[in-house]
Amino acid sequence: MPRQWTRKTDRGLPVLKESDEVTKKGKSVRSVAKVHGICHVTLSRYCKSLQTLRDQGSNNVFSEVQQDVLADYLTQAADLYYGLTPREIRHFAYQLAVIYNIKHPQTWDEKQMTGPDWFTFFMKRNPSLSMRSSEATSLTRATSFNCYNLPQHVLQPSPVVG
């Protein structure tokens, strides 16, 4: 999966604009190219590449619902103070793809995890998630977490209603 690409020049933009006349309005490539002074071969090539992109569809492995489920799980894990590292998330996503029996790249099978590009784009699609490196709990805090130092309302079970 390629990284994010940004256009650096405005060269070729006329071809982008005139391709709409061919694809949406149904005009011929030669007539549109002649009116706008563009090479008909260039316009034809660009329209053909647009058509192949439409035929292929998006190359996302997971559907939007599955990605939302994954994002919700990661949020719940973080709320329970069990945050996952990027490597663990990539491995977990691979396991989900195998469990859901989803078609995925062969490189995922070789490494038993998703690629770094998938993870980058997943994080961009889910801006509510954030990766932070966890800090180890100090020894004094861990040893002072006992029944004598906790307030009584924490130790007592909550009453069952209903």
N, C-alpha and C. Protein backbone atom coordinates (compact mmCIF):
# COMPACT_ATOMS: atom_id res chain seq x y z
N MET A 1 0.85 -1.17 0.00
CA MET A 1 0.00 0.00 0.00
C MET A 1 0.90 1.24 0.00
N PRO A 2 0.71 2.14 -0.93
CA PRO A 2 1.58 3.31 -1.00
C PRO A 2 1.27 4.31 0.10
N ARG A 3 2.24 5.09 0.41
CA ARG A 3 2.06 6.14 1.40
C ARG A 3 1.26 7.28 0.79
N GLN A 4 0.93 8.26 1.59
CA GLN A 4 0.12 9.39 1.12
C GLN A 4 0.89 10.20 0.09
N TRP A 5 0.29 10.45 -1.06
CA TRP A 5 0.93 11.19 -2.13
C TRP A 5 0.23 12.51 -2.31
N THR A 6 0.99 13.58 -2.48
CA THR A 6 0.39 14.89 -2.72
C THR A 6 0.92 15.42 -4.04
N ARG A 7 0.04 16.07 -4.79
CA ARG A 7 0.41 16.65 -6.08
C ARG A 7 1.33 17.84 -5.83
N LYS A 8 2.41 17.92 -6.58
CA LYS A 8 3.39 18.98 -6.38
C LYS A 8 3.30 20.08 -7.44
N THR A 9 2.67 19.80 -8.58
CA THR A 9 2.50 20.81 -9.62
C THR A 9 1.05 20.80 -10.09
N ASP A 10 0.69 21.82 -10.87
CA ASP A 10 -0.65 21.84 -11.43
C ASP A 10 -0.66 21.36 -12.88
N ARG A 11 0.45 20.80 -13.31
CA ARG A 11 0.56 20.27 -14.66
C ARG A 11 -0.36 19.05 -14.81
N GLY A 12 -1.14 19.02 -15.85
CA GLY A 12 -2.04 17.90 -16.06
C GLY A 12 -3.43 18.13 -15.53
N LEU A 13 -3.68 19.23 -14.84
CA LEU A 13 -5.01 19.50 -14.31
C LEU A 13 -6.07 19.69 -15.41
N PRO A 14 -5.74 20.27 -16.57
CA PRO A 14 -6.77 20.34 -17.61
C PRO A 14 -7.30 18.98 -18.02
N VAL A 15 -6.46 17.98 -18.02
CA VAL A 15 -6.90 16.63 -18.36
C VAL A 15 -7.89 16.14 -17.31
N LEU A 16 -7.62 16.44 -16.04
CA LEU A 16 -8.52 16.02 -14.98
C LEU A 16 -9.90 16.63 -15.15
N LYS A 17 -9.95 17.91 -15.51
CA LYS A 17 -11.23 18.61 -15.63
C LYS A 17 -12.01 18.13 -16.85
N GLU A 18 -11.34 17.94 -17.96
CA GLU A 18 -12.03 17.54 -19.18
C GLU A 18 -12.44 16.07 -19.18
N SER A 19 -11.85 15.28 -18.32
CA SER A 19 -12.24 13.87 -18.27
C SER A 19 -13.68 13.72 -17.78
N ASP A 20 -14.19 14.69 -17.02
CA ASP A 20 -15.58 14.64 -16.57
C ASP A 20 -16.55 14.70 -17.75
N GLU A 21 -16.19 15.48 -18.78
CA GLU A 21 -17.06 15.58 -19.94
C GLU A 21 -17.16 14.23 -20.65
N VAL A 22 -16.08 13.50 -20.66
CA VAL A 22 -16.08 12.20 -21.35
C VAL A 22 -16.82 11.17 -20.50
N THR A 23 -16.51 11.10 -19.20
CA THR A 23 -17.07 10.04 -18.37
C THR A 23 -18.52 10.31 -17.97
N LYS A 24 -18.85 11.54 -17.58
CA LYS A 24 -20.19 11.83 -17.08
C LYS A 24 -21.17 12.24 -18.18
N LYS A 25 -20.71 13.04 -19.13
CA LYS A 25 -21.62 13.54 -20.15
C LYS A 25 -21.68 12.65 -21.39
N GLY A 26 -20.76 11.71 -21.49
CA GLY A 26 -20.81 10.75 -22.59
C GLY A 26 -20.31 11.28 -23.92
N LYS A 27 -19.54 12.34 -23.92
CA LYS A 27 -18.98 12.86 -25.17
C LYS A 27 -17.80 12.00 -25.59
N SER A 28 -17.42 12.11 -26.86
CA SER A 28 -16.30 11.31 -27.35
C SER A 28 -14.98 11.94 -26.89
N VAL A 29 -13.98 11.10 -26.78
CA VAL A 29 -12.66 11.54 -26.32
C VAL A 29 -12.06 12.51 -27.32
N ARG A 30 -12.16 12.21 -28.60
CA ARG A 30 -11.55 13.06 -29.63
C ARG A 30 -12.20 14.45 -29.67
N SER A 31 -13.52 14.51 -29.56
CA SER A 31 -14.18 15.82 -29.63
C SER A 31 -13.83 16.69 -28.42
N VAL A 32 -13.79 16.11 -27.25
CA VAL A 32 -13.42 16.87 -26.04
C VAL A 32 -11.97 17.31 -26.12
N ALA A 33 -11.09 16.43 -26.59
CA ALA A 33 -9.67 16.78 -26.70
C ALA A 33 -9.46 17.89 -27.72
N LYS A 34 -10.21 17.86 -28.82
CA LYS A 34 -10.06 18.88 -29.85
C LYS A 34 -10.54 20.24 -29.35
N VAL A 35 -11.65 20.27 -28.62
CA VAL A 35 -12.20 21.53 -28.10
C VAL A 35 -11.24 22.18 -27.10
N HIS A 36 -10.61 21.38 -26.26
CA HIS A 36 -9.76 21.92 -25.20
C HIS A 36 -8.28 21.94 -25.55
N GLY A 37 -7.92 21.46 -26.71
CA GLY A 37 -6.52 21.50 -27.14
C GLY A 37 -5.62 20.54 -26.40
N ILE A 38 -6.13 19.37 -26.08
CA ILE A 38 -5.38 18.34 -25.36
C ILE A 38 -5.19 17.16 -26.30
N CYS A 39 -4.12 16.45 -26.14
CA CYS A 39 -3.87 15.24 -26.93
C CYS A 39 -4.93 14.19 -26.59
N HIS A 40 -5.56 13.63 -27.61
CA HIS A 40 -6.65 12.67 -27.38
C HIS A 40 -6.14 11.38 -26.74
N VAL A 41 -4.89 11.03 -26.99
CA VAL A 41 -4.33 9.82 -26.40
C VAL A 41 -4.17 10.00 -24.89
N THR A 42 -3.71 11.18 -24.47
CA THR A 42 -3.55 11.47 -23.04
C THR A 42 -4.89 11.42 -22.34
N LEU A 43 -5.89 12.07 -22.93
CA LEU A 43 -7.22 12.08 -22.33
C LEU A 43 -7.80 10.67 -22.28
N SER A 44 -7.62 9.90 -23.32
CA SER A 44 -8.11 8.53 -23.35
C SER A 44 -7.44 7.67 -22.28
N ARG A 45 -6.14 7.82 -22.13
CA ARG A 45 -5.39 7.06 -21.12
C ARG A 45 -5.88 7.41 -19.72
N TYR A 46 -6.12 8.69 -19.48
CA TYR A 46 -6.57 9.11 -18.16
C TYR A 46 -7.98 8.57 -17.86
N CYS A 47 -8.87 8.64 -18.84
CA CYS A 47 -10.23 8.11 -18.66
C CYS A 47 -10.20 6.61 -18.41
N LYS A 48 -9.30 5.91 -19.08
CA LYS A 48 -9.17 4.46 -18.89
C LYS A 48 -8.68 4.15 -17.47
N SER A 49 -7.74 4.95 -16.97
CA SER A 49 -7.24 4.72 -15.61
C SER A 49 -8.33 5.00 -14.58
N LEU A 50 -9.18 6.00 -14.83
CA LEU A 50 -10.30 6.26 -13.93
C LEU A 50 -11.27 5.07 -13.91
N GLN A 51 -11.51 4.50 -15.07
CA GLN A 51 -12.42 3.37 -15.16
C GLN A 51 -11.88 2.16 -14.40
N THR A 52 -10.59 1.90 -14.50
CA THR A 52 -10.02 0.75 -13.77
C THR A 52 -10.07 0.98 -12.27
N LEU A 53 -9.89 2.24 -11.83
CA LEU A 53 -10.02 2.54 -10.40
C LEU A 53 -11.44 2.29 -9.92
N ARG A 54 -12.43 2.67 -10.72
CA ARG A 54 -13.82 2.43 -10.34
C ARG A 54 -14.13 0.94 -10.29
N ASP A 55 -13.57 0.18 -11.22
CA ASP A 55 -13.83 -1.26 -11.26
C ASP A 55 -13.21 -1.97 -10.06
N GLN A 56 -12.03 -1.52 -9.65
CA GLN A 56 -11.36 -2.16 -8.52
C GLN A 56 -12.02 -1.81 -7.21
N GLY A 57 -12.60 -0.63 -7.10
CA GLY A 57 -13.20 -0.20 -5.85
C GLY A 57 -12.12 0.18 -4.86
N SER A 58 -12.51 0.30 -3.62
CA SER A 58 -11.52 0.65 -2.60
C SER A 58 -10.74 -0.60 -2.23
N ASN A 59 -9.52 -0.42 -1.80
CA ASN A 59 -8.68 -1.56 -1.47
C ASN A 59 -8.59 -1.75 0.05
N ASN A 60 -9.63 -1.36 0.77
CA ASN A 60 -9.66 -1.59 2.20
C ASN A 60 -9.92 -3.07 2.47
N VAL A 61 -9.22 -3.61 3.43
CA VAL A 61 -9.40 -5.01 3.77
C VAL A 61 -10.67 -5.17 4.60
N PHE A 62 -10.83 -4.34 5.61
CA PHE A 62 -11.98 -4.40 6.50
C PHE A 62 -13.06 -3.44 6.03
N SER A 63 -14.32 -3.80 6.27
CA SER A 63 -15.41 -2.89 5.97
C SER A 63 -15.42 -1.79 7.04
N GLU A 64 -16.24 -0.78 6.83
CA GLU A 64 -16.32 0.32 7.81
C GLU A 64 -16.84 -0.18 9.15
N VAL A 65 -17.80 -1.09 9.12
CA VAL A 65 -18.36 -1.63 10.36
C VAL A 65 -17.29 -2.41 11.13
N GLN A 66 -16.51 -3.22 10.42
CA GLN A 66 -15.46 -3.99 11.08
C GLN A 66 -14.38 -3.08 11.64
N GLN A 67 -14.07 -1.99 10.93
CA GLN A 67 -13.08 -1.05 11.46
C GLN A 67 -13.62 -0.33 12.69
N ASP A 68 -14.91 -0.03 12.69
CA ASP A 68 -15.51 0.60 13.87
C ASP A 68 -15.48 -0.34 15.07
N VAL A 69 -15.74 -1.61 14.82
CA VAL A 69 -15.67 -2.61 15.91
C VAL A 69 -14.26 -2.68 16.47
N LEU A 70 -13.27 -2.69 15.59
CA LEU A 70 -11.88 -2.73 16.02
C LEU A 70 -11.52 -1.48 16.82
N ALA A 71 -11.95 -0.32 16.34
CA ALA A 71 -11.66 0.94 17.04
C ALA A 71 -12.35 0.96 18.41
N ASP A 72 -13.58 0.47 18.48
CA ASP A 72 -14.29 0.41 19.76
C ASP A 72 -13.58 -0.52 20.75
N TYR A 73 -13.10 -1.65 20.23
CA TYR A 73 -12.38 -2.57 21.10
C TYR A 73 -11.11 -1.92 21.65
N LEU A 74 -10.39 -1.22 20.79
CA LEU A 74 -9.15 -0.57 21.25
C LEU A 74 -9.46 0.51 22.28
N THR A 75 -10.58 1.23 22.09
CA THR A 75 -10.98 2.25 23.06
C THR A 75 -11.34 1.61 24.39
N GLN A 76 -12.09 0.51 24.36
CA GLN A 76 -12.46 -0.18 25.59
C GLN A 76 -11.23 -0.72 26.30
N ALA A 77 -10.29 -1.27 25.55
CA ALA A 77 -9.06 -1.79 26.15
C ALA A 77 -8.28 -0.66 26.83
N ALA A 78 -8.26 0.50 26.20
CA ALA A 78 -7.55 1.64 26.80
C ALA A 78 -8.27 2.12 28.05
N ASP A 79 -9.61 2.08 28.05
CA ASP A 79 -10.38 2.50 29.23
C ASP A 79 -10.14 1.56 30.41
N LEU A 80 -9.84 0.30 30.09
CA LEU A 80 -9.55 -0.67 31.15
C LEU A 80 -8.06 -0.69 31.51
N TYR A 81 -7.34 0.31 31.08
CA TYR A 81 -5.90 0.45 31.33
C TYR A 81 -5.10 -0.70 30.73
N TYR A 82 -5.58 -1.21 29.61
CA TYR A 82 -4.84 -2.24 28.89
C TYR A 82 -4.63 -1.76 27.47
N GLY A 83 -3.82 -0.73 27.32
CA GLY A 83 -3.55 -0.20 26.00
C GLY A 83 -2.65 -1.13 25.21
N LEU A 84 -2.88 -1.18 23.91
CA LEU A 84 -2.10 -2.05 23.05
C LEU A 84 -1.07 -1.24 22.28
N THR A 85 0.07 -1.83 22.05
CA THR A 85 1.11 -1.18 21.26
C THR A 85 0.74 -1.29 19.79
N PRO A 86 1.34 -0.48 18.92
CA PRO A 86 1.05 -0.59 17.49
C PRO A 86 1.32 -2.00 16.94
N ARG A 87 2.35 -2.63 17.41
CA ARG A 87 2.66 -3.98 16.95
C ARG A 87 1.56 -4.97 17.36
N GLU A 88 1.06 -4.83 18.58
CA GLU A 88 -0.02 -5.71 19.05
C GLU A 88 -1.31 -5.45 18.28
N ILE A 89 -1.58 -4.19 17.94
CA ILE A 89 -2.77 -3.85 17.16
C ILE A 89 -2.66 -4.46 15.77
N ARG A 90 -1.49 -4.38 15.16
CA ARG A 90 -1.29 -4.97 13.83
C ARG A 90 -1.49 -6.48 13.87
N HIS A 91 -0.99 -7.12 14.91
CA HIS A 91 -1.16 -8.58 15.05
C HIS A 91 -2.63 -8.91 15.29
N PHE A 92 -3.31 -8.13 16.11
CA PHE A 92 -4.72 -8.35 16.41
C PHE A 92 -5.58 -8.16 15.15
N ALA A 93 -5.26 -7.16 14.34
CA ALA A 93 -6.01 -6.92 13.10
C ALA A 93 -5.82 -8.08 12.13
N TYR A 94 -4.63 -8.63 12.07
CA TYR A 94 -4.39 -9.81 11.22
C TYR A 94 -5.25 -10.97 11.70
N GLN A 95 -5.30 -11.19 13.00
CA GLN A 95 -6.11 -12.28 13.54
C GLN A 95 -7.59 -12.07 13.21
N LEU A 96 -8.06 -10.83 13.26
CA LEU A 96 -9.44 -10.55 12.89
C LEU A 96 -9.69 -10.88 11.42
N ALA A 97 -8.75 -10.52 10.56
CA ALA A 97 -8.90 -10.81 9.13
C ALA A 97 -8.97 -12.32 8.90
N VAL A 98 -8.21 -13.08 9.64
CA VAL A 98 -8.25 -14.54 9.50
C VAL A 98 -9.56 -15.09 10.04
N ILE A 99 -10.02 -14.58 11.19
CA ILE A 99 -11.27 -15.06 11.79
C ILE A 99 -12.46 -14.71 10.91
N TYR A 100 -12.50 -13.49 10.39
CA TYR A 100 -13.60 -13.06 9.52
C TYR A 100 -13.49 -13.66 8.12
N ASN A 101 -12.40 -14.35 7.85
CA ASN A 101 -12.14 -14.97 6.54
C ASN A 101 -12.18 -13.91 5.43
N ILE A 102 -11.44 -12.84 5.64
CA ILE A 102 -11.37 -11.72 4.71
C ILE A 102 -10.15 -11.89 3.82
N LYS A 103 -10.32 -11.54 2.56
CA LYS A 103 -9.18 -11.57 1.63
C LYS A 103 -8.20 -10.47 2.05
N HIS A 104 -6.95 -10.84 2.24
CA HIS A 104 -5.93 -9.88 2.68
C HIS A 104 -4.63 -10.15 1.94
N PRO A 105 -3.69 -9.18 1.98
CA PRO A 105 -2.42 -9.37 1.27
C PRO A 105 -1.63 -10.56 1.81
N GLN A 106 -0.85 -11.16 0.93
CA GLN A 106 -0.08 -12.34 1.31
C GLN A 106 1.03 -12.01 2.30
N THR A 107 1.52 -10.78 2.25
CA THR A 107 2.59 -10.40 3.19
C THR A 107 2.11 -10.44 4.63
N TRP A 108 0.80 -10.27 4.83
CA TRP A 108 0.27 -10.37 6.19
C TRP A 108 0.44 -11.78 6.72
N ASP A 109 0.25 -12.78 5.85
CA ASP A 109 0.40 -14.17 6.29
C ASP A 109 1.85 -14.49 6.64
N GLU A 110 2.78 -13.91 5.90
CA GLU A 110 4.19 -14.18 6.14
C GLU A 110 4.65 -13.65 7.50
N LYS A 111 4.17 -12.46 7.84
CA LYS A 111 4.61 -11.82 9.09
C LYS A 111 3.62 -12.01 10.24
N GLN A 112 2.45 -12.59 9.95
CA GLN A 112 1.41 -12.79 10.96
C GLN A 112 0.92 -11.47 11.57
N MET A 113 0.98 -10.40 10.79
CA MET A 113 0.48 -9.09 11.22
C MET A 113 0.27 -8.22 9.99
N THR A 114 -0.49 -7.15 10.18
CA THR A 114 -0.73 -6.23 9.08
C THR A 114 0.52 -5.40 8.82
N GLY A 115 0.53 -4.70 7.71
CA GLY A 115 1.67 -3.87 7.38
C GLY A 115 1.64 -2.54 8.10
N PRO A 116 2.77 -1.86 8.15
CA PRO A 116 2.80 -0.56 8.83
C PRO A 116 1.95 0.49 8.12
N ASP A 117 1.81 0.37 6.80
CA ASP A 117 0.96 1.32 6.07
C ASP A 117 -0.50 1.16 6.46
N TRP A 118 -0.95 -0.08 6.63
CA TRP A 118 -2.33 -0.30 7.06
C TRP A 118 -2.57 0.37 8.40
N PHE A 119 -1.63 0.20 9.31
CA PHE A 119 -1.78 0.79 10.65
C PHE A 119 -1.82 2.31 10.56
N THR A 120 -0.96 2.91 9.73
CA THR A 120 -0.93 4.36 9.59
C THR A 120 -2.27 4.88 9.08
N PHE A 121 -2.80 4.24 8.04
CA PHE A 121 -4.08 4.69 7.49
C PHE A 121 -5.23 4.39 8.43
N PHE A 122 -5.16 3.32 9.20
CA PHE A 122 -6.20 3.02 10.19
C PHE A 122 -6.24 4.12 11.24
N MET A 123 -5.07 4.56 11.67
CA MET A 123 -5.03 5.63 12.67
C MET A 123 -5.53 6.95 12.07
N LYS A 124 -5.27 7.19 10.79
CA LYS A 124 -5.78 8.41 10.15
C LYS A 124 -7.29 8.36 9.99
N ARG A 125 -7.83 7.16 9.74
CA ARG A 125 -9.28 7.03 9.60
C ARG A 125 -9.99 7.11 10.94
N ASN A 126 -9.26 6.90 12.02
CA ASN A 126 -9.84 6.94 13.37
C ASN A 126 -9.08 7.94 14.23
N PRO A 127 -9.35 9.23 14.04
CA PRO A 127 -8.58 10.24 14.79
C PRO A 127 -8.87 10.24 16.28
N SER A 128 -9.95 9.57 16.71
CA SER A 128 -10.24 9.53 18.14
C SER A 128 -9.26 8.63 18.89
N LEU A 129 -8.60 7.73 18.17
CA LEU A 129 -7.60 6.87 18.79
C LEU A 129 -6.27 7.59 18.84
N SER A 130 -5.51 7.32 19.89
CA SER A 130 -4.18 7.90 19.97
C SER A 130 -3.24 6.86 20.58
N MET A 131 -2.02 6.88 20.14
CA MET A 131 -1.03 5.94 20.63
C MET A 131 -0.11 6.69 21.59
N ARG A 132 -0.03 6.15 22.76
CA ARG A 132 0.88 6.72 23.75
C ARG A 132 1.67 5.58 24.36
N SER A 133 2.91 5.83 24.65
CA SER A 133 3.70 4.79 25.30
C SER A 133 3.37 4.78 26.79
N SER A 134 3.09 3.61 27.30
CA SER A 134 2.69 3.50 28.70
C SER A 134 3.89 3.62 29.62
N GLU A 135 3.61 4.02 30.82
CA GLU A 135 4.65 4.19 31.82
C GLU A 135 4.48 3.12 32.88
N ALA A 136 5.56 2.57 33.32
CA ALA A 136 5.49 1.51 34.32
C ALA A 136 5.00 2.07 35.66
N THR A 137 4.24 1.25 36.38
CA THR A 137 3.75 1.64 37.70
C THR A 137 4.90 1.55 38.70
N SER A 138 5.01 2.57 39.50
CA SER A 138 6.11 2.56 40.47
C SER A 138 5.86 1.49 41.53
N LEU A 139 6.94 1.03 42.15
CA LEU A 139 6.84 -0.04 43.15
C LEU A 139 6.05 0.43 44.37
N THR A 140 6.24 1.66 44.78
CA THR A 140 5.52 2.17 45.96
C THR A 140 4.02 2.25 45.70
N ARG A 141 3.65 2.65 44.50
CA ARG A 141 2.22 2.74 44.20
C ARG A 141 1.60 1.34 44.13
N ALA A 142 2.32 0.40 43.56
CA ALA A 142 1.80 -0.96 43.45
C ALA A 142 1.66 -1.61 44.82
N THR A 143 2.62 -1.37 45.73
CA THR A 143 2.55 -2.00 47.05
C THR A 143 1.55 -1.32 47.96
N SER A 144 1.26 -0.03 47.72
CA SER A 144 0.31 0.66 48.59
C SER A 144 -1.14 0.44 48.14
N PHE A 145 -1.35 -0.25 47.06
CA PHE A 145 -2.69 -0.55 46.57
C PHE A 145 -3.18 -1.82 47.28
N ASN A 146 -3.71 -1.65 48.48
CA ASN A 146 -4.20 -2.79 49.26
C ASN A 146 -5.48 -2.39 49.98
N CYS A 147 -6.08 -3.33 50.68
CA CYS A 147 -7.39 -3.09 51.29
C CYS A 147 -7.33 -2.08 52.44
N TYR A 148 -6.19 -1.86 53.04
CA TYR A 148 -6.09 -0.91 54.14
C TYR A 148 -6.05 0.54 53.65
N ASN A 149 -5.54 0.77 52.45
CA ASN A 149 -5.41 2.13 51.93
C ASN A 149 -6.58 2.57 51.05
N LEU A 150 -7.46 1.65 50.69
CA LEU A 150 -8.60 1.99 49.85
C LEU A 150 -9.76 2.48 50.69
N PRO A 151 -10.57 3.41 50.17
CA PRO A 151 -11.77 3.84 50.89
C PRO A 151 -12.75 2.67 51.01
N GLN A 152 -13.60 2.72 52.04
CA GLN A 152 -14.51 1.62 52.32
C GLN A 152 -15.56 1.42 51.23
N HIS A 153 -16.00 2.52 50.56
CA HIS A 153 -17.04 2.37 49.54
C HIS A 153 -16.53 1.62 48.31
N VAL A 154 -15.22 1.58 48.11
CA VAL A 154 -14.67 0.85 46.99
C VAL A 154 -14.67 -0.65 47.28
N LEU A 155 -14.45 -1.00 48.56
CA LEU A 155 -14.34 -2.40 48.92
C LEU A 155 -15.71 -3.08 49.04
N GLN A 156 -16.75 -2.31 49.39
CA GLN A 156 -18.07 -2.88 49.57
C GLN A 156 -18.75 -3.11 48.23
N PRO A 157 -19.38 -4.24 48.03
CA PRO A 157 -20.08 -4.49 46.77
C PRO A 157 -21.30 -3.58 46.65
N SER A 158 -21.60 -3.22 45.43
CA SER A 158 -22.75 -2.35 45.19
C SER A 158 -24.03 -3.14 45.33
N PRO A 159 -25.11 -2.52 45.85
CA PRO A 159 -26.37 -3.25 46.02
C PRO A 159 -26.98 -3.59 44.66
N VAL A 160 -27.60 -4.74 44.58
CA VAL A 160 -28.23 -5.19 43.35
C VAL A 160 -29.63 -4.62 43.29
N VAL A 161 -29.94 -3.95 42.20
CA VAL A 161 -31.26 -3.34 42.04
C VAL A 161 -32.07 -4.21 41.10
N GLY A 162 -33.32 -4.46 41.47
CA GLY A 162 -34.19 -5.17 40.52
C GLY A 162 -34.58 -6.44 41.02
